[in-house]
Amino acid sequence: MTYADQIIEEITDFLTEKTKDLDNQTFKEVMTEVELNISDQLTALEEDEANED
């Protein structure tokens, strides 16, 4: 497991706990949006790191 995977898992666990009272559809929508945002940020971070090399 990479460091990024570990961070994503920790964030997911945190959000799962904080959103446990939402109905399933709303929860899925929130988690999908969060996943997309994390993915976008990781891609940007990887691009920044590649540009530094």
PDB file of N, CA and C in Angstrom:
ATOM      1  N   MET A   1       0.853  -1.178   0.000  1.00  0.00           N
ATOM      2  CA  MET A   1       0.000   0.000   0.000  1.00  0.00           C
ATOM      3  C   MET A   1       0.897   1.239   0.000  1.00  0.00           C
ATOM      4  N   THR A   2       0.635   2.132  -0.928  1.00  0.00           N
ATOM      5  CA  THR A   2       1.428   3.353  -0.989  1.00  0.00           C
ATOM      6  C   THR A   2       0.947   4.347   0.061  1.00  0.00           C
ATOM      7  N   TYR A   3       1.735   5.365   0.269  1.00  0.00           N
ATOM      8  CA  TYR A   3       1.357   6.414   1.217  1.00  0.00           C
ATOM      9  C   TYR A   3       0.040   7.058   0.788  1.00  0.00           C
ATOM     10  N   ALA A   4      -0.111   7.294  -0.511  1.00  0.00           N
ATOM     11  CA  ALA A   4      -1.349   7.906  -1.016  1.00  0.00           C
ATOM     12  C   ALA A   4      -2.549   7.004  -0.732  1.00  0.00           C
ATOM     13  N   ASP A   5      -2.376   5.702  -0.931  1.00  0.00           N
ATOM     14  CA  ASP A   5      -3.466   4.761  -0.640  1.00  0.00           C
ATOM     15  C   ASP A   5      -3.844   4.795   0.835  1.00  0.00           C
ATOM     16  N   GLN A   6      -2.834   4.894   1.677  1.00  0.00           N
ATOM     17  CA  GLN A   6      -3.076   4.944   3.118  1.00  0.00           C
ATOM     18  C   GLN A   6      -3.857   6.202   3.490  1.00  0.00           C
ATOM     19  N   ILE A   7      -3.468   7.326   2.916  1.00  0.00           N
ATOM     20  CA  ILE A   7      -4.165   8.597   3.187  1.00  0.00           C
ATOM     21  C   ILE A   7      -5.617   8.506   2.713  1.00  0.00           C
ATOM     22  N   ILE A   8      -5.814   7.955   1.522  1.00  0.00           N
ATOM     23  CA  ILE A   8      -7.170   7.823   0.988  1.00  0.00           C
ATOM     24  C   ILE A   8      -8.014   6.946   1.905  1.00  0.00           C
ATOM     25  N   GLU A   9      -7.435   5.858   2.391  1.00  0.00           N
ATOM     26  CA  GLU A   9      -8.173   4.974   3.290  1.00  0.00           C
ATOM     27  C   GLU A   9      -8.546   5.695   4.589  1.00  0.00           C
ATOM     28  N   GLU A  10      -7.618   6.466   5.130  1.00  0.00           N
ATOM     29  CA  GLU A  10      -7.903   7.210   6.359  1.00  0.00           C
ATOM     30  C   GLU A  10      -8.991   8.251   6.139  1.00  0.00           C
ATOM     31  N   ILE A  11      -8.937   8.943   5.025  1.00  0.00           N
ATOM     32  CA  ILE A  11      -9.954   9.948   4.711  1.00  0.00           C
ATOM     33  C   ILE A  11     -11.314   9.276   4.517  1.00  0.00           C
ATOM     34  N   THR A  12     -11.309   8.162   3.811  1.00  0.00           N
ATOM     35  CA  THR A  12     -12.556   7.436   3.579  1.00  0.00           C
ATOM     36  C   THR A  12     -13.169   6.974   4.896  1.00  0.00           C
ATOM     37  N   ASP A  13     -12.343   6.430   5.772  1.00  0.00           N
ATOM     38  CA  ASP A  13     -12.841   5.991   7.083  1.00  0.00           C
ATOM     39  C   ASP A  13     -13.424   7.169   7.866  1.00  0.00           C
ATOM     40  N   PHE A  14     -12.730   8.293   7.848  1.00  0.00           N
ATOM     41  CA  PHE A  14     -13.208   9.490   8.538  1.00  0.00           C
ATOM     42  C   PHE A  14     -14.557   9.940   7.973  1.00  0.00           C
ATOM     43  N   LEU A  15     -14.644  10.003   6.646  1.00  0.00           N
ATOM     44  CA  LEU A  15     -15.886  10.447   6.020  1.00  0.00           C
ATOM     45  C   LEU A  15     -17.024   9.465   6.247  1.00  0.00           C
ATOM     46  N   THR A  16     -16.708   8.187   6.250  1.00  0.00           N
ATOM     47  CA  THR A  16     -17.730   7.174   6.527  1.00  0.00           C
ATOM     48  C   THR A  16     -18.326   7.404   7.910  1.00  0.00           C
ATOM     49  N   GLU A  17     -17.462   7.666   8.867  1.00  0.00           N
ATOM     50  CA  GLU A  17     -17.935   7.919  10.233  1.00  0.00           C
ATOM     51  C   GLU A  17     -18.785   9.194  10.289  1.00  0.00           C
ATOM     52  N   LYS A  18     -18.333  10.253   9.630  1.00  0.00           N
ATOM     53  CA  LYS A  18     -19.033  11.535   9.690  1.00  0.00           C
ATOM     54  C   LYS A  18     -20.333  11.552   8.898  1.00  0.00           C
ATOM     55  N   THR A  19     -20.466  10.652   7.926  1.00  0.00           N
ATOM     56  CA  THR A  19     -21.656  10.672   7.069  1.00  0.00           C
ATOM     57  C   THR A  19     -22.563   9.473   7.319  1.00  0.00           C
ATOM     58  N   LYS A  20     -22.372   8.770   8.403  1.00  0.00           N
ATOM     59  CA  LYS A  20     -23.127   7.536   8.653  1.00  0.00           C
ATOM     60  C   LYS A  20     -24.631   7.755   8.777  1.00  0.00           C
ATOM     61  N   ASP A  21     -25.065   8.972   9.064  1.00  0.00           N
ATOM     62  CA  ASP A  21     -26.495   9.237   9.202  1.00  0.00           C
ATOM     63  C   ASP A  21     -27.178   9.613   7.885  1.00  0.00           C
ATOM     64  N   LEU A  22     -26.413   9.710   6.816  1.00  0.00           N
ATOM     65  CA  LEU A  22     -27.009  10.037   5.520  1.00  0.00           C
ATOM     66  C   LEU A  22     -27.666   8.798   4.918  1.00  0.00           C
ATOM     67  N   ASP A  23     -28.690   9.032   4.101  1.00  0.00           N
ATOM     68  CA  ASP A  23     -29.273   7.888   3.400  1.00  0.00           C
ATOM     69  C   ASP A  23     -28.267   7.374   2.363  1.00  0.00           C
ATOM     70  N   ASN A  24     -28.474   6.167   1.893  1.00  0.00           N
ATOM     71  CA  ASN A  24     -27.498   5.518   1.009  1.00  0.00           C
ATOM     72  C   ASN A  24     -27.199   6.315  -0.247  1.00  0.00           C
ATOM     73  N   GLN A  25     -28.216   6.846  -0.900  1.00  0.00           N
ATOM     74  CA  GLN A  25     -27.995   7.570  -2.146  1.00  0.00           C
ATOM     75  C   GLN A  25     -27.176   8.834  -1.903  1.00  0.00           C
ATOM     76  N   THR A  26     -27.516   9.591  -0.876  1.00  0.00           N
ATOM     77  CA  THR A  26     -26.768  10.807  -0.565  1.00  0.00           C
ATOM     78  C   THR A  26     -25.336  10.467  -0.200  1.00  0.00           C
ATOM     79  N   PHE A  27     -25.158   9.409   0.583  1.00  0.00           N
ATOM     80  CA  PHE A  27     -23.818   8.968   0.957  1.00  0.00           C
ATOM     81  C   PHE A  27     -23.000   8.624  -0.287  1.00  0.00           C
ATOM     82  N   LYS A  28     -23.594   7.875  -1.193  1.00  0.00           N
ATOM     83  CA  LYS A  28     -22.886   7.495  -2.428  1.00  0.00           C
ATOM     84  C   LYS A  28     -22.489   8.735  -3.221  1.00  0.00           C
ATOM     85  N   GLU A  29     -23.380   9.697  -3.303  1.00  0.00           N
ATOM     86  CA  GLU A  29     -23.082  10.928  -4.037  1.00  0.00           C
ATOM     87  C   GLU A  29     -21.929  11.695  -3.387  1.00  0.00           C
ATOM     88  N   VAL A  30     -21.973  11.800  -2.066  1.00  0.00           N
ATOM     89  CA  VAL A  30     -20.913  12.500  -1.340  1.00  0.00           C
ATOM     90  C   VAL A  30     -19.573  11.786  -1.538  1.00  0.00           C
ATOM     91  N   MET A  31     -19.571  10.466  -1.381  1.00  0.00           N
ATOM     92  CA  MET A  31     -18.323   9.713  -1.506  1.00  0.00           C
ATOM     93  C   MET A  31     -17.788   9.744  -2.933  1.00  0.00           C
ATOM     94  N   THR A  32     -18.650   9.728  -3.920  1.00  0.00           N
ATOM     95  CA  THR A  32     -18.203   9.830  -5.308  1.00  0.00           C
ATOM     96  C   THR A  32     -17.526  11.170  -5.549  1.00  0.00           C
ATOM     97  N   GLU A  33     -18.127  12.225  -5.053  1.00  0.00           N
ATOM     98  CA  GLU A  33     -17.547  13.563  -5.203  1.00  0.00           C
ATOM     99  C   GLU A  33     -16.198  13.655  -4.490  1.00  0.00           C
ATOM    100  N   VAL A  34     -16.133  13.108  -3.292  1.00  0.00           N
ATOM    101  CA  VAL A  34     -14.878  13.117  -2.530  1.00  0.00           C
ATOM    102  C   VAL A  34     -13.801  12.329  -3.274  1.00  0.00           C
ATOM    103  N   GLU A  35     -14.176  11.164  -3.790  1.00  0.00           N
ATOM    104  CA  GLU A  35     -13.217  10.338  -4.515  1.00  0.00           C
ATOM    105  C   GLU A  35     -12.677  11.069  -5.739  1.00  0.00           C
ATOM    106  N   LEU A  36     -13.557  11.737  -6.464  1.00  0.00           N
ATOM    107  CA  LEU A  36     -13.124  12.497  -7.636  1.00  0.00           C
ATOM    108  C   LEU A  36     -12.183  13.629  -7.244  1.00  0.00           C
ATOM    109  N   ASN A  37     -12.500  14.328  -6.162  1.00  0.00           N
ATOM    110  CA  ASN A  37     -11.645  15.417  -5.707  1.00  0.00           C
ATOM    111  C   ASN A  37     -10.275  14.909  -5.282  1.00  0.00           C
ATOM    112  N   ILE A  38     -10.249  13.808  -4.552  1.00  0.00           N
ATOM    113  CA  ILE A  38      -8.975  13.241  -4.123  1.00  0.00           C
ATOM    114  C   ILE A  38      -8.164  12.801  -5.341  1.00  0.00           C
ATOM    115  N   SER A  39      -8.821  12.145  -6.264  1.00  0.00           N
ATOM    116  CA  SER A  39      -8.143  11.679  -7.472  1.00  0.00           C
ATOM    117  C   SER A  39      -7.542  12.855  -8.244  1.00  0.00           C
ATOM    118  N   ASP A  40      -8.317  13.922  -8.400  1.00  0.00           N
ATOM    119  CA  ASP A  40      -7.827  15.116  -9.099  1.00  0.00           C
ATOM    120  C   ASP A  40      -6.618  15.708  -8.390  1.00  0.00           C
ATOM    121  N   GLN A  41      -6.684  15.772  -7.067  1.00  0.00           N
ATOM    122  CA  GLN A  41      -5.576  16.356  -6.306  1.00  0.00           C
ATOM    123  C   GLN A  41      -4.330  15.479  -6.378  1.00  0.00           C
ATOM    124  N   LEU A  42      -4.509  14.166  -6.334  1.00  0.00           N
ATOM    125  CA  LEU A  42      -3.355  13.269  -6.448  1.00  0.00           C
ATOM    126  C   LEU A  42      -2.725  13.369  -7.832  1.00  0.00           C
ATOM    127  N   THR A  43      -3.552  13.475  -8.856  1.00  0.00           N
ATOM    128  CA  THR A  43      -3.032  13.637 -10.212  1.00  0.00           C
ATOM    129  C   THR A  43      -2.224  14.924 -10.322  1.00  0.00           C
ATOM    130  N   ALA A  44      -2.743  15.997  -9.764  1.00  0.00           N
ATOM    131  CA  ALA A  44      -2.029  17.264  -9.790  1.00  0.00           C
ATOM    132  C   ALA A  44      -0.713  17.176  -9.016  1.00  0.00           C
ATOM    133  N   LEU A  45      -0.730  16.500  -7.893  1.00  0.00           N
ATOM    134  CA  LEU A  45       0.483  16.322  -7.100  1.00  0.00           C
ATOM    135  C   LEU A  45       1.523  15.512  -7.876  1.00  0.00           C
ATOM    136  N   GLU A  46       1.083  14.432  -8.519  1.00  0.00           N
ATOM    137  CA  GLU A  46       1.992  13.606  -9.314  1.00  0.00           C
ATOM    138  C   GLU A  46       2.587  14.413 -10.459  1.00  0.00           C
ATOM    139  N   GLU A  47       1.769  15.245 -11.101  1.00  0.00           N
ATOM    140  CA  GLU A  47       2.255  16.076 -12.191  1.00  0.00           C
ATOM    141  C   GLU A  47       3.291  17.089 -11.687  1.00  0.00           C
ATOM    142  N   ASP A  48       3.017  17.689 -10.540  1.00  0.00           N
ATOM    143  CA  ASP A  48       3.967  18.625  -9.946  1.00  0.00           C
ATOM    144  C   ASP A  48       5.293  17.951  -9.626  1.00  0.00           C
ATOM    145  N   GLU A  49       5.215  16.748  -9.074  1.00  0.00           N
ATOM    146  CA  GLU A  49       6.432  16.004  -8.740  1.00  0.00           C
ATOM    147  C   GLU A  49       7.209  15.637 -10.011  1.00  0.00           C
ATOM    148  N   ALA A  50       6.487  15.270 -11.065  1.00  0.00           N
ATOM    149  CA  ALA A  50       7.136  14.915 -12.338  1.00  0.00           C
ATOM    150  C   ALA A  50       7.817  16.136 -12.949  1.00  0.00           C
ATOM    151  N   ASN A  51       7.201  17.298 -12.812  1.00  0.00           N
ATOM    152  CA  ASN A  51       7.780  18.522 -13.360  1.00  0.00           C
ATOM    153  C   ASN A  51       9.029  18.946 -12.596  1.00  0.00           C
ATOM    154  N   GLU A  52       9.130  18.563 -11.331  1.00  0.00           N
ATOM    155  CA  GLU A  52      10.299  18.911 -10.538  1.00  0.00           C
ATOM    156  C   GLU A  52      11.514  18.070 -10.926  1.00  0.00           C
ATOM    157  N   ASP A  53      11.265  16.898 -11.493  1.00  0.00           N
ATOM    158  CA  ASP A  53      12.369  15.998 -11.875  1.00  0.00           C
ATOM    159  C   ASP A  53      13.080  16.413 -13.099  1.00  0.00           C
TER     160      ASP A  53
END
